[in-house]
């Protein structure tokens, strides 16, 4: 009986400690990255392209979570979804849920979620809380990064994230590429807007090459395949 009571007390203490850990680090953006705890040194949110843009970073690593709308809800992540998760590693490699994995790495589709659970409109600035999990791949589809048990807790909506430095140009280019690629893939060639959508996709690819490089040549090959967008 004493042992059972001790285990019960220990379990309650563990749950309380976990909860207090997030609250103590308010605001917080953290998760389990490839089996190890990852916690950002800074975090903020903005409204961009009509949705939320959450960003956090530590050292040379940066994490961005992008939703298509600026309200509470559950947003699925895939290579064709409007929601996107992007992670830049310390070595400069950019991983995105908009990238498809190479078939030699996995045949399973990308999946994950971003969930905006609470928006405190009474605070100034507004504070946003939610969770996330995802697997993202490099542009060549050969490397991946995995986040589980991700949490963003009372992250302030402060704006201005798109002008925080040249080191994030690749992240911004990848974000824009994911959106324009989604629009292109959902537009038929006989659509009156096809030419404009195609050219926007071409421009996003060119900007991604300039900002991120194109060691595999995949971006340029896609551009060549677009033809004259007519």
C-alpha atoms as a PDB file:
ATOM      1  CA  UNK A   1       0.000   0.000   0.000  1.00  0.00           C
ATOM      2  CA  UNK A   2       2.825   2.407   0.847  1.00  0.00           C
ATOM      3  CA  UNK A   3       4.491   1.617  -2.484  1.00  0.00           C
ATOM      4  CA  UNK A   4       1.231   2.283  -4.377  1.00  0.00           C
ATOM      5  CA  UNK A   5       0.787   5.606  -2.557  1.00  0.00           C
ATOM      6  CA  UNK A   6       4.389   6.580  -3.374  1.00  0.00           C
ATOM      7  CA  UNK A   7       3.919   5.804  -7.074  1.00  0.00           C
ATOM      8  CA  UNK A   8       0.684   7.813  -7.157  1.00  0.00           C
ATOM      9  CA  UNK A   9       2.360  10.828  -5.554  1.00  0.00           C
ATOM     10  CA  UNK A  10       5.294  10.496  -7.966  1.00  0.00           C
ATOM     11  CA  UNK A  11       2.967  10.427 -10.980  1.00  0.00           C
ATOM     12  CA  UNK A  12       1.082  13.520  -9.779  1.00  0.00           C
ATOM     13  CA  UNK A  13       4.376  15.340  -9.192  1.00  0.00           C
ATOM     14  CA  UNK A  14       5.601  14.442 -12.701  1.00  0.00           C
ATOM     15  CA  UNK A  15       2.426  15.791 -14.323  1.00  0.00           C
ATOM     16  CA  UNK A  16       2.592  18.991 -12.286  1.00  0.00           C
ATOM     17  CA  UNK A  17       6.282  19.446 -13.075  1.00  0.00           C
ATOM     18  CA  UNK A  18       5.656  19.080 -16.814  1.00  0.00           C
ATOM     19  CA  UNK A  19       2.853  21.642 -16.704  1.00  0.00           C
ATOM     20  CA  UNK A  20       4.897  24.048 -14.597  1.00  0.00           C
ATOM     21  CA  UNK A  21       7.820  23.693 -17.003  1.00  0.00           C
ATOM     22  CA  UNK A  22       5.774  25.101 -19.897  1.00  0.00           C
ATOM     23  CA  UNK A  23       4.252  27.840 -17.748  1.00  0.00           C
ATOM     24  CA  UNK A  24       7.634  28.760 -16.281  1.00  0.00           C
ATOM     25  CA  UNK A  25       9.008  29.265 -19.778  1.00  0.00           C
ATOM     26  CA  UNK A  26       6.102  31.503 -20.873  1.00  0.00           C
ATOM     27  CA  UNK A  27       6.064  32.204 -23.731  1.00  0.00           C
ATOM     28  CA  UNK A  28       7.366  28.890 -25.052  1.00  0.00           C
ATOM     29  CA  UNK A  29       7.885  27.049 -28.322  1.00  0.00           C
ATOM     30  CA  UNK A  30       9.316  23.581 -27.877  1.00  0.00           C
ATOM     31  CA  UNK A  31       9.084  19.934 -28.886  1.00  0.00           C
ATOM     32  CA  UNK A  32      10.881  16.640 -29.290  1.00  0.00           C
ATOM     33  CA  UNK A  33      13.178  16.923 -32.333  1.00  0.00           C
ATOM     34  CA  UNK A  34      14.575  13.617 -33.599  1.00  0.00           C
ATOM     35  CA  UNK A  35      14.372  12.155 -30.095  1.00  0.00           C
ATOM     36  CA  UNK A  36      15.840  15.109 -28.192  1.00  0.00           C
ATOM     37  CA  UNK A  37      14.242  18.103 -26.481  1.00  0.00           C
ATOM     38  CA  UNK A  38      14.246  21.261 -28.610  1.00  0.00           C
ATOM     39  CA  UNK A  39      13.323  24.588 -27.008  1.00  0.00           C
ATOM     40  CA  UNK A  40      13.444  27.966 -28.743  1.00  0.00           C
ATOM     41  CA  UNK A  41      15.301  30.935 -27.278  1.00  0.00           C
ATOM     42  CA  UNK A  42      12.805  33.334 -28.869  1.00  0.00           C
ATOM     43  CA  UNK A  43       9.335  33.035 -30.344  1.00  0.00           C
ATOM     44  CA  UNK A  44       6.740  35.315 -31.900  1.00  0.00           C
ATOM     45  CA  UNK A  45       3.762  35.229 -34.235  1.00  0.00           C
ATOM     46  CA  UNK A  46       2.613  37.323 -37.181  1.00  0.00           C
ATOM     47  CA  UNK A  47      -0.301  37.330 -39.621  1.00  0.00           C
ATOM     48  CA  UNK A  48       0.975  36.724 -43.135  1.00  0.00           C
ATOM     49  CA  UNK A  49      -0.801  35.683 -46.355  1.00  0.00           C
ATOM     50  CA  UNK A  50      -4.046  35.673 -44.351  1.00  0.00           C
ATOM     51  CA  UNK A  51      -2.832  33.097 -41.813  1.00  0.00           C
ATOM     52  CA  UNK A  52      -0.606  32.765 -38.777  1.00  0.00           C
ATOM     53  CA  UNK A  53       3.173  32.588 -39.019  1.00  0.00           C
ATOM     54  CA  UNK A  54       4.775  31.249 -35.837  1.00  0.00           C
ATOM     55  CA  UNK A  55       8.537  31.433 -35.513  1.00  0.00           C
ATOM     56  CA  UNK A  56      11.022  30.297 -32.904  1.00  0.00           C
ATOM     57  CA  UNK A  57      14.737  29.704 -32.926  1.00  0.00           C
ATOM     58  CA  UNK A  58      17.749  28.624 -30.970  1.00  0.00           C
ATOM     59  CA  UNK A  59      21.332  29.240 -32.051  1.00  0.00           C
ATOM     60  CA  UNK A  60      21.474  28.724 -35.819  1.00  0.00           C
ATOM     61  CA  UNK A  61      18.231  26.714 -35.952  1.00  0.00           C
ATOM     62  CA  UNK A  62      14.881  28.250 -36.893  1.00  0.00           C
ATOM     63  CA  UNK A  63      11.372  26.788 -36.898  1.00  0.00           C
ATOM     64  CA  UNK A  64       8.395  28.281 -38.747  1.00  0.00           C
ATOM     65  CA  UNK A  65       4.788  27.073 -38.613  1.00  0.00           C
ATOM     66  CA  UNK A  66       2.384  28.558 -41.178  1.00  0.00           C
ATOM     67  CA  UNK A  67      -1.409  28.227 -41.206  1.00  0.00           C
ATOM     68  CA  UNK A  68      -3.739  29.284 -44.043  1.00  0.00           C
ATOM     69  CA  UNK A  69      -6.137  31.174 -41.731  1.00  0.00           C
ATOM     70  CA  UNK A  70      -5.701  33.298 -38.616  1.00  0.00           C
ATOM     71  CA  UNK A  71      -8.218  31.517 -36.390  1.00  0.00           C
ATOM     72  CA  UNK A  72      -8.302  28.543 -34.045  1.00  0.00           C
ATOM     73  CA  UNK A  73      -8.439  25.123 -35.688  1.00  0.00           C
ATOM     74  CA  UNK A  74      -6.628  21.959 -36.707  1.00  0.00           C
ATOM     75  CA  UNK A  75      -4.513  22.213 -39.869  1.00  0.00           C
ATOM     76  CA  UNK A  76      -3.136  19.076 -41.515  1.00  0.00           C
ATOM     77  CA  UNK A  77       0.372  19.130 -42.961  1.00  0.00           C
ATOM     78  CA  UNK A  78       1.244  17.435 -46.246  1.00  0.00           C
ATOM     79  CA  UNK A  79       3.126  18.223 -49.441  1.00  0.00           C
ATOM     80  CA  UNK A  80      -0.099  19.627 -50.935  1.00  0.00           C
ATOM     81  CA  UNK A  81      -1.624  21.400 -47.927  1.00  0.00           C
ATOM     82  CA  UNK A  82      -1.803  25.159 -47.465  1.00  0.00           C
ATOM     83  CA  UNK A  83      -0.375  24.764 -43.959  1.00  0.00           C
ATOM     84  CA  UNK A  84       3.419  24.383 -43.918  1.00  0.00           C
ATOM     85  CA  UNK A  85       6.124  23.624 -41.353  1.00  0.00           C
ATOM     86  CA  UNK A  86       9.696  24.710 -42.174  1.00  0.00           C
ATOM     87  CA  UNK A  87      12.839  24.008 -40.171  1.00  0.00           C
ATOM     88  CA  UNK A  88      16.322  25.349 -40.899  1.00  0.00           C
ATOM     89  CA  UNK A  89      19.119  23.317 -39.322  1.00  0.00           C
ATOM     90  CA  UNK A  90      22.376  24.655 -37.942  1.00  0.00           C
ATOM     91  CA  UNK A  91      24.138  23.580 -41.161  1.00  0.00           C
ATOM     92  CA  UNK A  92      21.782  25.687 -43.281  1.00  0.00           C
ATOM     93  CA  UNK A  93      19.710  22.773 -44.600  1.00  0.00           C
ATOM     94  CA  UNK A  94      16.048  23.738 -44.982  1.00  0.00           C
ATOM     95  CA  UNK A  95      13.416  21.080 -44.330  1.00  0.00           C
ATOM     96  CA  UNK A  96       9.797  21.638 -45.354  1.00  0.00           C
ATOM     97  CA  UNK A  97       6.571  19.664 -45.266  1.00  0.00           C
ATOM     98  CA  UNK A  98       6.016  21.038 -48.788  1.00  0.00           C
ATOM     99  CA  UNK A  99       8.885  18.814 -50.023  1.00  0.00           C
ATOM    100  CA  UNK A 100       8.216  15.225 -51.096  1.00  0.00           C
ATOM    101  CA  UNK A 101      10.463  12.487 -49.672  1.00  0.00           C
ATOM    102  CA  UNK A 102      12.615  10.557 -52.118  1.00  0.00           C
ATOM    103  CA  UNK A 103      11.077   7.096 -52.750  1.00  0.00           C
ATOM    104  CA  UNK A 104      14.332   5.499 -51.578  1.00  0.00           C
ATOM    105  CA  UNK A 105      13.837   7.143 -48.159  1.00  0.00           C
ATOM    106  CA  UNK A 106      10.172   6.365 -47.592  1.00  0.00           C
ATOM    107  CA  UNK A 107       7.070   5.509 -49.586  1.00  0.00           C
ATOM    108  CA  UNK A 108       4.803   6.923 -46.887  1.00  0.00           C
ATOM    109  CA  UNK A 109       3.281  10.373 -47.476  1.00  0.00           C
ATOM    110  CA  UNK A 110       4.220  13.365 -45.350  1.00  0.00           C
ATOM    111  CA  UNK A 111       1.814  13.969 -42.508  1.00  0.00           C
ATOM    112  CA  UNK A 112       1.541  16.161 -39.460  1.00  0.00           C
ATOM    113  CA  UNK A 113      -0.582  18.861 -37.857  1.00  0.00           C
ATOM    114  CA  UNK A 114      -0.559  22.397 -36.546  1.00  0.00           C
ATOM    115  CA  UNK A 115      -3.345  23.014 -34.044  1.00  0.00           C
ATOM    116  CA  UNK A 116      -4.207  26.522 -32.858  1.00  0.00           C
ATOM    117  CA  UNK A 117      -6.057  25.816 -29.623  1.00  0.00           C
ATOM    118  CA  UNK A 118      -6.492  29.199 -27.978  1.00  0.00           C
ATOM    119  CA  UNK A 119      -6.215  32.880 -28.931  1.00  0.00           C
ATOM    120  CA  UNK A 120      -6.227  35.250 -25.964  1.00  0.00           C
ATOM    121  CA  UNK A 121      -7.774  38.366 -27.460  1.00  0.00           C
ATOM    122  CA  UNK A 122      -7.816  40.156 -24.109  1.00  0.00           C
ATOM    123  CA  UNK A 123      -4.030  40.304 -23.879  1.00  0.00           C
ATOM    124  CA  UNK A 124      -1.955  43.023 -25.573  1.00  0.00           C
ATOM    125  CA  UNK A 125      -0.375  41.703 -27.685  1.00  0.00           C
ATOM    126  CA  UNK A 126      -2.660  38.737 -28.310  1.00  0.00           C
ATOM    127  CA  UNK A 127      -1.282  35.410 -27.031  1.00  0.00           C
ATOM    128  CA  UNK A 128      -1.659  32.185 -29.029  1.00  0.00           C
ATOM    129  CA  UNK A 129      -1.408  28.601 -27.748  1.00  0.00           C
ATOM    130  CA  UNK A 130      -1.389  25.331 -29.655  1.00  0.00           C
ATOM    131  CA  UNK A 131       0.544  22.191 -30.594  1.00  0.00           C
ATOM    132  CA  UNK A 132       2.257  20.609 -33.582  1.00  0.00           C
ATOM    133  CA  UNK A 133       3.965  17.509 -34.942  1.00  0.00           C
ATOM    134  CA  UNK A 134       5.462  16.813 -38.361  1.00  0.00           C
ATOM    135  CA  UNK A 135       8.148  15.208 -40.498  1.00  0.00           C
ATOM    136  CA  UNK A 136       9.750  17.551 -43.045  1.00  0.00           C
ATOM    137  CA  UNK A 137      12.198  16.813 -45.865  1.00  0.00           C
ATOM    138  CA  UNK A 138      15.059  18.634 -47.563  1.00  0.00           C
ATOM    139  CA  UNK A 139      14.548  19.894 -51.126  1.00  0.00           C
ATOM    140  CA  UNK A 140      16.111  16.722 -52.579  1.00  0.00           C
ATOM    141  CA  UNK A 141      13.901  14.526 -50.377  1.00  0.00           C
ATOM    142  CA  UNK A 142      16.882  12.608 -48.995  1.00  0.00           C
ATOM    143  CA  UNK A 143      17.061  14.066 -45.482  1.00  0.00           C
ATOM    144  CA  UNK A 144      14.379  14.578 -42.881  1.00  0.00           C
ATOM    145  CA  UNK A 145      13.671  16.108 -39.497  1.00  0.00           C
ATOM    146  CA  UNK A 146      10.921  14.930 -37.160  1.00  0.00           C
ATOM    147  CA  UNK A 147       9.101  16.872 -34.450  1.00  0.00           C
ATOM    148  CA  UNK A 148       6.628  15.321 -32.002  1.00  0.00           C
ATOM    149  CA  UNK A 149       4.975  16.639 -28.827  1.00  0.00           C
ATOM    150  CA  UNK A 150       5.423  20.171 -30.141  1.00  0.00           C
ATOM    151  CA  UNK A 151       3.904  23.064 -28.195  1.00  0.00           C
ATOM    152  CA  UNK A 152       3.655  26.806 -28.731  1.00  0.00           C
ATOM    153  CA  UNK A 153       2.393  28.384 -25.528  1.00  0.00           C
ATOM    154  CA  UNK A 154       1.171  31.977 -25.162  1.00  0.00           C
ATOM    155  CA  UNK A 155       3.252  33.137 -28.140  1.00  0.00           C
ATOM    156  CA  UNK A 156       2.758  36.905 -28.650  1.00  0.00           C
ATOM    157  CA  UNK A 157       1.272  38.172 -31.906  1.00  0.00           C
ATOM    158  CA  UNK A 158       3.745  40.993 -32.496  1.00  0.00           C
ATOM    159  CA  UNK A 159       4.160  41.127 -36.297  1.00  0.00           C
ATOM    160  CA  UNK A 160       7.183  42.061 -38.338  1.00  0.00           C
ATOM    161  CA  UNK A 161       8.591  38.564 -38.763  1.00  0.00           C
ATOM    162  CA  UNK A 162       9.236  38.921 -42.483  1.00  0.00           C
ATOM    163  CA  UNK A 163      11.984  41.490 -41.915  1.00  0.00           C
ATOM    164  CA  UNK A 164      14.157  39.887 -39.260  1.00  0.00           C
ATOM    165  CA  UNK A 165      17.325  39.359 -41.236  1.00  0.00           C
ATOM    166  CA  UNK A 166      18.939  37.900 -44.344  1.00  0.00           C
ATOM    167  CA  UNK A 167      19.490  34.551 -42.609  1.00  0.00           C
ATOM    168  CA  UNK A 168      15.773  33.821 -43.014  1.00  0.00           C
ATOM    169  CA  UNK A 169      15.483  34.614 -46.722  1.00  0.00           C
ATOM    170  CA  UNK A 170      15.562  30.919 -47.581  1.00  0.00           C
ATOM    171  CA  UNK A 171      12.776  30.175 -45.102  1.00  0.00           C
ATOM    172  CA  UNK A 172      10.636  32.943 -46.561  1.00  0.00           C
ATOM    173  CA  UNK A 173      11.336  31.778 -50.132  1.00  0.00           C
ATOM    174  CA  UNK A 174      10.417  28.191 -49.170  1.00  0.00           C
ATOM    175  CA  UNK A 175       7.211  29.391 -47.568  1.00  0.00           C
ATOM    176  CA  UNK A 176       6.183  31.321 -50.663  1.00  0.00           C
ATOM    177  CA  UNK A 177       7.162  28.418 -52.921  1.00  0.00           C
ATOM    178  CA  UNK A 178       4.936  26.045 -50.962  1.00  0.00           C
ATOM    179  CA  UNK A 179       1.939  28.330 -51.376  1.00  0.00           C
ATOM    180  CA  UNK A 180       2.459  29.012 -55.097  1.00  0.00           C
ATOM    181  CA  UNK A 181       3.112  25.325 -55.791  1.00  0.00           C
ATOM    182  CA  UNK A 182      -0.170  24.425 -54.104  1.00  0.00           C
ATOM    183  CA  UNK A 183      -2.007  26.993 -56.241  1.00  0.00           C
ATOM    184  CA  UNK A 184      -0.309  25.723 -59.412  1.00  0.00           C
ATOM    185  CA  UNK A 185      -1.113  22.064 -58.715  1.00  0.00           C
ATOM    186  CA  UNK A 186      -4.793  22.928 -58.174  1.00  0.00           C
ATOM    187  CA  UNK A 187      -5.135  24.994 -61.380  1.00  0.00           C
ATOM    188  CA  UNK A 188      -6.023  23.290 -64.667  1.00  0.00           C
ATOM    189  CA  UNK A 189      -4.337  24.410 -67.910  1.00  0.00           C
ATOM    190  CA  UNK A 190      -7.675  25.542 -69.353  1.00  0.00           C
ATOM    191  CA  UNK A 191      -8.295  27.797 -66.367  1.00  0.00           C
ATOM    192  CA  UNK A 192      -8.239  31.507 -67.376  1.00  0.00           C
ATOM    193  CA  UNK A 193      -5.865  32.162 -64.459  1.00  0.00           C
ATOM    194  CA  UNK A 194      -3.423  29.407 -65.403  1.00  0.00           C
ATOM    195  CA  UNK A 195      -0.823  31.702 -67.012  1.00  0.00           C
ATOM    196  CA  UNK A 196      -0.703  34.032 -63.996  1.00  0.00           C
ATOM    197  CA  UNK A 197      -0.556  31.142 -61.524  1.00  0.00           C
ATOM    198  CA  UNK A 198       2.150  29.399 -63.546  1.00  0.00           C
ATOM    199  CA  UNK A 199       4.290  32.540 -63.772  1.00  0.00           C
ATOM    200  CA  UNK A 200       3.904  33.138 -60.029  1.00  0.00           C
ATOM    201  CA  UNK A 201       5.133  29.575 -59.454  1.00  0.00           C
ATOM    202  CA  UNK A 202       8.083  30.166 -61.800  1.00  0.00           C
ATOM    203  CA  UNK A 203       9.007  33.357 -59.937  1.00  0.00           C
ATOM    204  CA  UNK A 204       8.808  31.552 -56.581  1.00  0.00           C
ATOM    205  CA  UNK A 205      11.114  28.819 -57.920  1.00  0.00           C
ATOM    206  CA  UNK A 206      13.622  31.405 -59.133  1.00  0.00           C
ATOM    207  CA  UNK A 207      13.530  33.157 -55.757  1.00  0.00           C
ATOM    208  CA  UNK A 208      14.058  29.812 -54.002  1.00  0.00           C
ATOM    209  CA  UNK A 209      17.124  29.140 -56.165  1.00  0.00           C
ATOM    210  CA  UNK A 210      18.543  32.560 -55.306  1.00  0.00           C
ATOM    211  CA  UNK A 211      17.813  32.287 -51.586  1.00  0.00           C
ATOM    212  CA  UNK A 212      18.419  28.578 -50.941  1.00  0.00           C
ATOM    213  CA  UNK A 213      20.518  27.299 -53.845  1.00  0.00           C
ATOM    214  CA  UNK A 214      19.660  24.324 -56.037  1.00  0.00           C
ATOM    215  CA  UNK A 215      22.388  21.703 -55.610  1.00  0.00           C
ATOM    216  CA  UNK A 216      20.150  18.908 -56.907  1.00  0.00           C
ATOM    217  CA  UNK A 217      18.945  20.921 -59.899  1.00  0.00           C
ATOM    218  CA  UNK A 218      15.320  20.046 -59.070  1.00  0.00           C
ATOM    219  CA  UNK A 219      14.118  23.645 -58.980  1.00  0.00           C
ATOM    220  CA  UNK A 220      15.633  24.444 -62.388  1.00  0.00           C
ATOM    221  CA  UNK A 221      14.262  21.219 -63.848  1.00  0.00           C
ATOM    222  CA  UNK A 222      10.782  22.225 -62.648  1.00  0.00           C
ATOM    223  CA  UNK A 223      11.193  25.676 -64.196  1.00  0.00           C
ATOM    224  CA  UNK A 224      12.209  24.115 -67.513  1.00  0.00           C
ATOM    225  CA  UNK A 225       9.165  21.866 -67.375  1.00  0.00           C
ATOM    226  CA  UNK A 226       6.794  24.817 -67.047  1.00  0.00           C
ATOM    227  CA  UNK A 227       7.500  25.935 -70.593  1.00  0.00           C
ATOM    228  CA  UNK A 228       6.089  29.339 -71.509  1.00  0.00           C
ATOM    229  CA  UNK A 229       3.138  29.042 -69.051  1.00  0.00           C
ATOM    230  CA  UNK A 230       0.634  29.489 -71.885  1.00  0.00           C
END
